[in-house]
């Protein structure tokens, strides 16, 4: 009877860390664009920049959860 040792899947771990890196970039980019949009509310690009900033913030949350799940799967599956 062989015992199977559980080891970290390094390829999956790298994918998870890259996903968390994307999330980190979006976590800075989203609020920065929000600040730019709200400080220039009289400009014609106010609404498009606000929409893009909202999308970036939502994507940051999504990629953070996806990356965290991938890292956990690489360690515990």
PDB file of N, CA and C in Angstrom:
ATOM      1  N   UNK A   1       0.843  -1.173   0.000  1.00  0.00           N
ATOM      2  CA  UNK A   1       0.000   0.000   0.000  1.00  0.00           C
ATOM      3  C   UNK A   1       0.892   1.241   0.000  1.00  0.00           C
ATOM      4  N   UNK A   2       0.747   2.063  -1.056  1.00  0.00           N
ATOM      5  CA  UNK A   2       1.553   3.278  -1.159  1.00  0.00           C
ATOM      6  C   UNK A   2       0.814   4.452  -0.531  1.00  0.00           C
ATOM      7  N   UNK A   3       1.556   5.256   0.147  1.00  0.00           N
ATOM      8  CA  UNK A   3       0.953   6.480   0.674  1.00  0.00           C
ATOM      9  C   UNK A   3       1.312   7.624  -0.259  1.00  0.00           C
ATOM     10  N   UNK A   4       0.317   8.367  -0.588  1.00  0.00           N
ATOM     11  CA  UNK A   4       0.532   9.492  -1.501  1.00  0.00           C
ATOM     12  C   UNK A   4       0.792  10.750  -0.678  1.00  0.00           C
ATOM     13  N   UNK A   5       1.915  11.381  -0.908  1.00  0.00           N
ATOM     14  CA  UNK A   5       2.221  12.602  -0.180  1.00  0.00           C
ATOM     15  C   UNK A   5       1.593  13.784  -0.903  1.00  0.00           C
ATOM     16  N   UNK A   6       1.000  14.659  -0.133  1.00  0.00           N
ATOM     17  CA  UNK A   6       0.376  15.844  -0.712  1.00  0.00           C
ATOM     18  C   UNK A   6       1.429  16.936  -0.815  1.00  0.00           C
ATOM     19  N   UNK A   7       1.602  17.430  -2.021  1.00  0.00           N
ATOM     20  CA  UNK A   7       2.587  18.467  -2.268  1.00  0.00           C
ATOM     21  C   UNK A   7       1.917  19.634  -2.958  1.00  0.00           C
ATOM     22  N   UNK A   8       2.529  20.780  -2.863  1.00  0.00           N
ATOM     23  CA  UNK A   8       2.011  21.970  -3.527  1.00  0.00           C
ATOM     24  C   UNK A   8       2.228  21.861  -5.029  1.00  0.00           C
ATOM     25  N   UNK A   9       1.175  22.119  -5.783  1.00  0.00           N
ATOM     26  CA  UNK A   9       1.262  22.155  -7.238  1.00  0.00           C
ATOM     27  C   UNK A   9       1.867  23.511  -7.622  1.00  0.00           C
ATOM     28  N   UNK A  10       3.133  23.516  -7.973  1.00  0.00           N
ATOM     29  CA  UNK A  10       3.855  24.779  -8.198  1.00  0.00           C
ATOM     30  C   UNK A  10       3.333  25.541  -9.420  1.00  0.00           C
ATOM     31  N   UNK A  11       2.937  24.816 -10.471  1.00  0.00           N
ATOM     32  CA  UNK A  11       2.404  25.497 -11.659  1.00  0.00           C
ATOM     33  C   UNK A  11       1.111  26.233 -11.330  1.00  0.00           C
ATOM     34  N   UNK A  12       0.237  25.577 -10.580  1.00  0.00           N
ATOM     35  CA  UNK A  12      -1.018  26.210 -10.187  1.00  0.00           C
ATOM     36  C   UNK A  12      -0.770  27.374  -9.230  1.00  0.00           C
ATOM     37  N   UNK A  13       0.233  27.237  -8.377  1.00  0.00           N
ATOM     38  CA  UNK A  13       0.584  28.308  -7.448  1.00  0.00           C
ATOM     39  C   UNK A  13       1.056  29.546  -8.202  1.00  0.00           C
ATOM     40  N   UNK A  14       1.861  29.368  -9.240  1.00  0.00           N
ATOM     41  CA  UNK A  14       2.345  30.500 -10.040  1.00  0.00           C
ATOM     42  C   UNK A  14       1.178  31.196 -10.732  1.00  0.00           C
ATOM     43  N   UNK A  15       0.228  30.419 -11.256  1.00  0.00           N
ATOM     44  CA  UNK A  15      -0.945  31.013 -11.902  1.00  0.00           C
ATOM     45  C   UNK A  15      -1.740  31.836 -10.885  1.00  0.00           C
ATOM     46  N   UNK A  16      -1.895  31.305  -9.669  1.00  0.00           N
ATOM     47  CA  UNK A  16      -2.621  32.030  -8.630  1.00  0.00           C
ATOM     48  C   UNK A  16      -1.921  33.315  -8.224  1.00  0.00           C
ATOM     49  N   UNK A  17      -0.604  33.284  -8.142  1.00  0.00           N
ATOM     50  CA  UNK A  17       0.147  34.487  -7.760  1.00  0.00           C
ATOM     51  C   UNK A  17       0.066  35.537  -8.867  1.00  0.00           C
ATOM     52  N   UNK A  18       0.099  35.102 -10.128  1.00  0.00           N
ATOM     53  CA  UNK A  18      -0.058  36.052 -11.236  1.00  0.00           C
ATOM     54  C   UNK A  18      -1.441  36.696 -11.208  1.00  0.00           C
ATOM     55  N   UNK A  19      -2.455  35.898 -10.898  1.00  0.00           N
ATOM     56  CA  UNK A  19      -3.812  36.431 -10.807  1.00  0.00           C
ATOM     57  C   UNK A  19      -3.912  37.447  -9.673  1.00  0.00           C
ATOM     58  N   UNK A  20      -3.256  37.163  -8.554  1.00  0.00           N
ATOM     59  CA  UNK A  20      -3.242  38.116  -7.442  1.00  0.00           C
ATOM     60  C   UNK A  20      -2.486  39.388  -7.819  1.00  0.00           C
ATOM     61  N   UNK A  21      -1.456  39.268  -8.663  1.00  0.00           N
ATOM     62  CA  UNK A  21      -0.728  40.444  -9.145  1.00  0.00           C
ATOM     63  C   UNK A  21      -1.609  41.330 -10.010  1.00  0.00           C
ATOM     64  N   UNK A  22      -2.410  40.705 -10.875  1.00  0.00           N
ATOM     65  CA  UNK A  22      -3.359  41.468 -11.690  1.00  0.00           C
ATOM     66  C   UNK A  22      -4.339  42.197 -10.782  1.00  0.00           C
ATOM     67  N   UNK A  23      -4.800  41.501  -9.752  1.00  0.00           N
ATOM     68  CA  UNK A  23      -5.724  42.122  -8.795  1.00  0.00           C
ATOM     69  C   UNK A  23      -5.074  43.315  -8.094  1.00  0.00           C
ATOM     70  N   UNK A  24      -3.813  43.188  -7.732  1.00  0.00           N
ATOM     71  CA  UNK A  24      -3.109  44.281  -7.059  1.00  0.00           C
ATOM     72  C   UNK A  24      -3.025  45.519  -7.944  1.00  0.00           C
ATOM     73  N   UNK A  25      -2.718  45.313  -9.223  1.00  0.00           N
ATOM     74  CA  UNK A  25      -2.648  46.438 -10.157  1.00  0.00           C
ATOM     75  C   UNK A  25      -4.022  47.111 -10.269  1.00  0.00           C
ATOM     76  N   UNK A  26      -5.070  46.300 -10.384  1.00  0.00           N
ATOM     77  CA  UNK A  26      -6.418  46.854 -10.506  1.00  0.00           C
ATOM     78  C   UNK A  26      -6.869  47.544  -9.226  1.00  0.00           C
ATOM     79  N   UNK A  27      -6.368  47.085  -8.072  1.00  0.00           N
ATOM     80  CA  UNK A  27      -6.723  47.716  -6.797  1.00  0.00           C
ATOM     81  C   UNK A  27      -6.176  49.135  -6.693  1.00  0.00           C
ATOM     82  N   UNK A  28      -5.090  49.413  -7.361  1.00  0.00           N
ATOM     83  CA  UNK A  28      -4.561  50.773  -7.377  1.00  0.00           C
ATOM     84  C   UNK A  28      -5.155  51.597  -8.517  1.00  0.00           C
ATOM     85  N   UNK A  29      -5.353  50.966  -9.658  1.00  0.00           N
ATOM     86  CA  UNK A  29      -5.829  51.674 -10.838  1.00  0.00           C
ATOM     87  C   UNK A  29      -7.286  52.123 -10.698  1.00  0.00           C
ATOM     88  N   UNK A  30      -8.146  51.272 -10.150  1.00  0.00           N
ATOM     89  CA  UNK A  30      -9.565  51.599 -10.005  1.00  0.00           C
ATOM     90  C   UNK A  30      -9.816  52.829  -9.144  1.00  0.00           C
ATOM     91  N   UNK A  31      -9.347  52.848  -7.895  1.00  0.00           N
ATOM     92  CA  UNK A  31      -9.564  54.037  -7.060  1.00  0.00           C
ATOM     93  C   UNK A  31      -8.876  55.304  -7.598  1.00  0.00           C
ATOM     94  N   UNK A  32      -7.731  55.128  -8.261  1.00  0.00           N
ATOM     95  CA  UNK A  32      -7.062  56.299  -8.853  1.00  0.00           C
ATOM     96  C   UNK A  32      -7.932  56.910  -9.937  1.00  0.00           C
ATOM     97  N   UNK A  33      -8.508  56.059 -10.785  1.00  0.00           N
ATOM     98  CA  UNK A  33      -9.407  56.579 -11.824  1.00  0.00           C
ATOM     99  C   UNK A  33     -10.665  57.182 -11.215  1.00  0.00           C
ATOM    100  N   UNK A  34     -11.163  56.603 -10.117  1.00  0.00           N
ATOM    101  CA  UNK A  34     -12.309  57.203  -9.425  1.00  0.00           C
ATOM    102  C   UNK A  34     -11.976  58.621  -8.972  1.00  0.00           C
ATOM    103  N   UNK A  35     -10.800  58.788  -8.388  1.00  0.00           N
ATOM    104  CA  UNK A  35     -10.389  60.102  -7.922  1.00  0.00           C
ATOM    105  C   UNK A  35     -10.290  61.092  -9.083  1.00  0.00           C
ATOM    106  N   UNK A  36      -9.697  60.644 -10.186  1.00  0.00           N
ATOM    107  CA  UNK A  36      -9.561  61.503 -11.365  1.00  0.00           C
ATOM    108  C   UNK A  36     -10.933  61.888 -11.899  1.00  0.00           C
ATOM    109  N   UNK A  37     -11.842  60.914 -11.965  1.00  0.00           N
ATOM    110  CA  UNK A  37     -13.176  61.186 -12.498  1.00  0.00           C
ATOM    111  C   UNK A  37     -13.943  62.151 -11.584  1.00  0.00           C
ATOM    112  N   UNK A  38     -13.879  61.934 -10.292  1.00  0.00           N
ATOM    113  CA  UNK A  38     -14.657  62.768  -9.379  1.00  0.00           C
ATOM    114  C   UNK A  38     -14.064  64.165  -9.202  1.00  0.00           C
ATOM    115  N   UNK A  39     -12.775  64.318  -9.436  1.00  0.00           N
ATOM    116  CA  UNK A  39     -12.173  65.642  -9.312  1.00  0.00           C
ATOM    117  C   UNK A  39     -12.377  66.472 -10.579  1.00  0.00           C
ATOM    118  N   UNK A  40     -12.790  65.841 -11.677  1.00  0.00           N
ATOM    119  CA  UNK A  40     -13.045  66.557 -12.930  1.00  0.00           C
ATOM    120  C   UNK A  40     -14.474  66.297 -13.395  1.00  0.00           C
ATOM    121  N   UNK A  41     -15.432  66.581 -12.540  1.00  0.00           N
ATOM    122  CA  UNK A  41     -16.818  66.237 -12.860  1.00  0.00           C
ATOM    123  C   UNK A  41     -17.416  67.106 -13.969  1.00  0.00           C
ATOM    124  N   UNK A  42     -16.796  68.225 -14.291  1.00  0.00           N
ATOM    125  CA  UNK A  42     -17.336  69.080 -15.351  1.00  0.00           C
ATOM    126  C   UNK A  42     -16.790  68.746 -16.736  1.00  0.00           C
ATOM    127  N   UNK A  43     -15.835  67.825 -16.810  1.00  0.00           N
ATOM    128  CA  UNK A  43     -15.232  67.443 -18.093  1.00  0.00           C
ATOM    129  C   UNK A  43     -16.162  66.491 -18.858  1.00  0.00           C
ATOM    130  N   UNK A  44     -16.021  66.433 -20.188  1.00  0.00           N
ATOM    131  CA  UNK A  44     -16.906  65.556 -20.969  1.00  0.00           C
ATOM    132  C   UNK A  44     -16.630  64.063 -20.780  1.00  0.00           C
ATOM    133  N   UNK A  45     -15.443  63.687 -20.338  1.00  0.00           N
ATOM    134  CA  UNK A  45     -15.123  62.275 -20.138  1.00  0.00           C
ATOM    135  C   UNK A  45     -15.421  61.793 -18.720  1.00  0.00           C
ATOM    136  N   UNK A  46     -16.198  62.550 -17.967  1.00  0.00           N
ATOM    137  CA  UNK A  46     -16.502  62.213 -16.580  1.00  0.00           C
ATOM    138  C   UNK A  46     -17.194  60.847 -16.472  1.00  0.00           C
ATOM    139  N   UNK A  47     -18.258  60.643 -17.220  1.00  0.00           N
ATOM    140  CA  UNK A  47     -19.033  59.406 -17.132  1.00  0.00           C
ATOM    141  C   UNK A  47     -18.239  58.194 -17.647  1.00  0.00           C
ATOM    142  N   UNK A  48     -17.575  58.275 -18.814  1.00  0.00           N
ATOM    143  CA  UNK A  48     -16.809  57.095 -19.253  1.00  0.00           C
ATOM    144  C   UNK A  48     -15.688  56.701 -18.291  1.00  0.00           C
ATOM    145  N   UNK A  49     -14.995  57.669 -17.725  1.00  0.00           N
ATOM    146  CA  UNK A  49     -13.918  57.355 -16.774  1.00  0.00           C
ATOM    147  C   UNK A  49     -14.506  56.740 -15.504  1.00  0.00           C
ATOM    148  N   UNK A  50     -15.651  57.228 -15.079  1.00  0.00           N
ATOM    149  CA  UNK A  50     -16.314  56.678 -13.893  1.00  0.00           C
ATOM    150  C   UNK A  50     -16.749  55.230 -14.136  1.00  0.00           C
ATOM    151  N   UNK A  51     -17.248  54.948 -15.325  1.00  0.00           N
ATOM    152  CA  UNK A  51     -17.658  53.583 -15.668  1.00  0.00           C
ATOM    153  C   UNK A  51     -16.444  52.654 -15.707  1.00  0.00           C
ATOM    154  N   UNK A  52     -15.361  53.106 -16.334  1.00  0.00           N
ATOM    155  CA  UNK A  52     -14.145  52.285 -16.412  1.00  0.00           C
ATOM    156  C   UNK A  52     -13.581  52.044 -15.014  1.00  0.00           C
ATOM    157  N   UNK A  53     -13.599  53.064 -14.164  1.00  0.00           N
ATOM    158  CA  UNK A  53     -13.103  52.909 -12.793  1.00  0.00           C
ATOM    159  C   UNK A  53     -13.947  51.897 -12.027  1.00  0.00           C
ATOM    160  N   UNK A  54     -15.256  51.935 -12.213  1.00  0.00           N
ATOM    161  CA  UNK A  54     -16.136  50.968 -11.548  1.00  0.00           C
ATOM    162  C   UNK A  54     -15.841  49.550 -12.015  1.00  0.00           C
ATOM    163  N   UNK A  55     -15.640  49.385 -13.305  1.00  0.00           N
ATOM    164  CA  UNK A  55     -15.324  48.061 -13.850  1.00  0.00           C
ATOM    165  C   UNK A  55     -13.992  47.560 -13.294  1.00  0.00           C
ATOM    166  N   UNK A  56     -12.991  48.439 -13.207  1.00  0.00           N
ATOM    167  CA  UNK A  56     -11.694  48.036 -12.669  1.00  0.00           C
ATOM    168  C   UNK A  56     -11.808  47.609 -11.204  1.00  0.00           C
ATOM    169  N   UNK A  57     -12.607  48.322 -10.421  1.00  0.00           N
ATOM    170  CA  UNK A  57     -12.767  47.952  -9.013  1.00  0.00           C
ATOM    171  C   UNK A  57     -13.466  46.602  -8.870  1.00  0.00           C
ATOM    172  N   UNK A  58     -14.480  46.365  -9.675  1.00  0.00           N
ATOM    173  CA  UNK A  58     -15.173  45.078  -9.636  1.00  0.00           C
ATOM    174  C   UNK A  58     -14.241  43.954 -10.078  1.00  0.00           C
ATOM    175  N   UNK A  59     -13.454  44.201 -11.128  1.00  0.00           N
ATOM    176  CA  UNK A  59     -12.494  43.195 -11.593  1.00  0.00           C
ATOM    177  C   UNK A  59     -11.413  42.917 -10.550  1.00  0.00           C
ATOM    178  N   UNK A  60     -11.015  43.935  -9.797  1.00  0.00           N
ATOM    179  CA  UNK A  60     -10.011  43.735  -8.755  1.00  0.00           C
ATOM    180  C   UNK A  60     -10.525  42.759  -7.700  1.00  0.00           C
ATOM    181  N   UNK A  61     -11.774  42.912  -7.309  1.00  0.00           N
ATOM    182  CA  UNK A  61     -12.360  42.004  -6.323  1.00  0.00           C
ATOM    183  C   UNK A  61     -12.462  40.596  -6.901  1.00  0.00           C
ATOM    184  N   UNK A  62     -12.905  40.498  -8.148  1.00  0.00           N
ATOM    185  CA  UNK A  62     -13.043  39.193  -8.797  1.00  0.00           C
ATOM    186  C   UNK A  62     -11.693  38.469  -8.894  1.00  0.00           C
ATOM    187  N   UNK A  63     -10.676  39.175  -9.371  1.00  0.00           N
ATOM    188  CA  UNK A  63      -9.363  38.546  -9.519  1.00  0.00           C
ATOM    189  C   UNK A  63      -8.741  38.202  -8.162  1.00  0.00           C
ATOM    190  N   UNK A  64      -9.031  38.984  -7.128  1.00  0.00           N
ATOM    191  CA  UNK A  64      -8.509  38.667  -5.798  1.00  0.00           C
ATOM    192  C   UNK A  64      -9.089  37.346  -5.305  1.00  0.00           C
ATOM    193  N   UNK A  65     -10.400  37.175  -5.434  1.00  0.00           N
ATOM    194  CA  UNK A  65     -11.018  35.930  -4.997  1.00  0.00           C
ATOM    195  C   UNK A  65     -10.570  34.745  -5.857  1.00  0.00           C
ATOM    196  N   UNK A  66     -10.490  34.967  -7.170  1.00  0.00           N
ATOM    197  CA  UNK A  66     -10.071  33.896  -8.076  1.00  0.00           C
ATOM    198  C   UNK A  66      -8.629  33.488  -7.780  1.00  0.00           C
ATOM    199  N   UNK A  67      -7.749  34.459  -7.574  1.00  0.00           N
ATOM    200  CA  UNK A  67      -6.351  34.161  -7.265  1.00  0.00           C
ATOM    201  C   UNK A  67      -6.197  33.450  -5.937  1.00  0.00           C
ATOM    202  N   UNK A  68      -6.948  33.898  -4.936  1.00  0.00           N
ATOM    203  CA  UNK A  68      -6.875  33.258  -3.622  1.00  0.00           C
ATOM    204  C   UNK A  68      -7.372  31.819  -3.692  1.00  0.00           C
ATOM    205  N   UNK A  69      -8.432  31.583  -4.434  1.00  0.00           N
ATOM    206  CA  UNK A  69      -8.943  30.215  -4.596  1.00  0.00           C
ATOM    207  C   UNK A  69      -7.923  29.344  -5.317  1.00  0.00           C
ATOM    208  N   UNK A  70      -7.266  29.880  -6.344  1.00  0.00           N
ATOM    209  CA  UNK A  70      -6.264  29.113  -7.080  1.00  0.00           C
ATOM    210  C   UNK A  70      -5.072  28.771  -6.198  1.00  0.00           C
ATOM    211  N   UNK A  71      -4.628  29.714  -5.392  1.00  0.00           N
ATOM    212  CA  UNK A  71      -3.503  29.453  -4.478  1.00  0.00           C
ATOM    213  C   UNK A  71      -3.892  28.395  -3.459  1.00  0.00           C
ATOM    214  N   UNK A  72      -5.098  28.485  -2.921  1.00  0.00           N
ATOM    215  CA  UNK A  72      -5.555  27.482  -1.946  1.00  0.00           C
ATOM    216  C   UNK A  72      -5.684  26.106  -2.600  1.00  0.00           C
ATOM    217  N   UNK A  73      -6.193  26.054  -3.833  1.00  0.00           N
ATOM    218  CA  UNK A  73      -6.305  24.779  -4.541  1.00  0.00           C
ATOM    219  C   UNK A  73      -4.939  24.161  -4.794  1.00  0.00           C
ATOM    220  N   UNK A  74      -3.953  25.001  -5.066  1.00  0.00           N
ATOM    221  CA  UNK A  74      -2.610  24.467  -5.336  1.00  0.00           C
ATOM    222  C   UNK A  74      -1.993  23.865  -4.081  1.00  0.00           C
ATOM    223  N   UNK A  75      -2.365  24.370  -2.926  1.00  0.00           N
ATOM    224  CA  UNK A  75      -1.779  23.874  -1.683  1.00  0.00           C
ATOM    225  C   UNK A  75      -2.544  22.703  -1.083  1.00  0.00           C
ATOM    226  N   UNK A  76      -3.849  22.740  -1.167  1.00  0.00           N
ATOM    227  CA  UNK A  76      -4.650  21.783  -0.415  1.00  0.00           C
ATOM    228  C   UNK A  76      -5.390  20.750  -1.247  1.00  0.00           C
ATOM    229  N   UNK A  77      -5.192  20.713  -2.560  1.00  0.00           N
ATOM    230  CA  UNK A  77      -5.849  19.695  -3.366  1.00  0.00           C
ATOM    231  C   UNK A  77      -4.875  18.653  -3.807  1.00  0.00           C
TER     232      UNK A  77
END
